[in-house]
Every structure is written in C-alpha cells, then in structure tokens.
Amino acid sequence: MKQFNQDNMKSISDYINNFYEDNPFTKHLGVDIVSIDKGNVCVSLTIKHEHTNVYGIAHGGVIMSLCDMAMGAACLSVGKKVVTLDFNHTEQEVSYL
C-alpha cells in the first residue's frame, strides 16, 4: 500500500472503504466512514436498540468497537495494517436514548 499523499487520496479512501465493506463485524454494527484524511478517519454509527444495554444507553462494547475501527482505519490511511492488543476506555458522562 502506498503512503498517503494528495495525489493518491482517492485510492487510499477507496482502499479503506473496501476494506471495511468486507468486514462482517463493522458491517453488522452499521458503522459508516464519514471522512478520511492522513492519520485521521471519522466514523459514525446510529445507535439502535440492539446497540444498547439494559439501561437503554449505548453498550460500552459498541463504543469500543467504533473507536477500534476508527483507529484501525486511521492507521490504514498512513499505510499501516494493525491489530489492537490492548485498549482502555473510560466514560465520563452517560447519554440516554
């Protein structure tokens, strides 16, 4: 995979979009890629009932999966393929649906 530059931004974006289109887990969650830039990828997910816990808020595992996907895609945008070995997340506020 080529390193990111303005000349190959389209091919990098296509590569990342295709990479996640073939990912059954992120497809199952319904994650969308909003934008791609060098080392920075914005993703979004509309929280549905099946993404919530018994309190009616987004399950922490869903949030972690969204973060993990964004980090992996950002790495792909600079030509690096990675897997997550350790990942910590602390929530400061809770939002109810």
Foldseek 3Di string as FASTA:
>chain_A
DDFDDPVCQVVLVVVLVVVVVPPVVCVVQPKDWDDADALFTDIDGDDDQVQDDPQQFGDPVSVVVNVQSRNQSNCSNRPDHDDDDDDDDDDDDTDHD
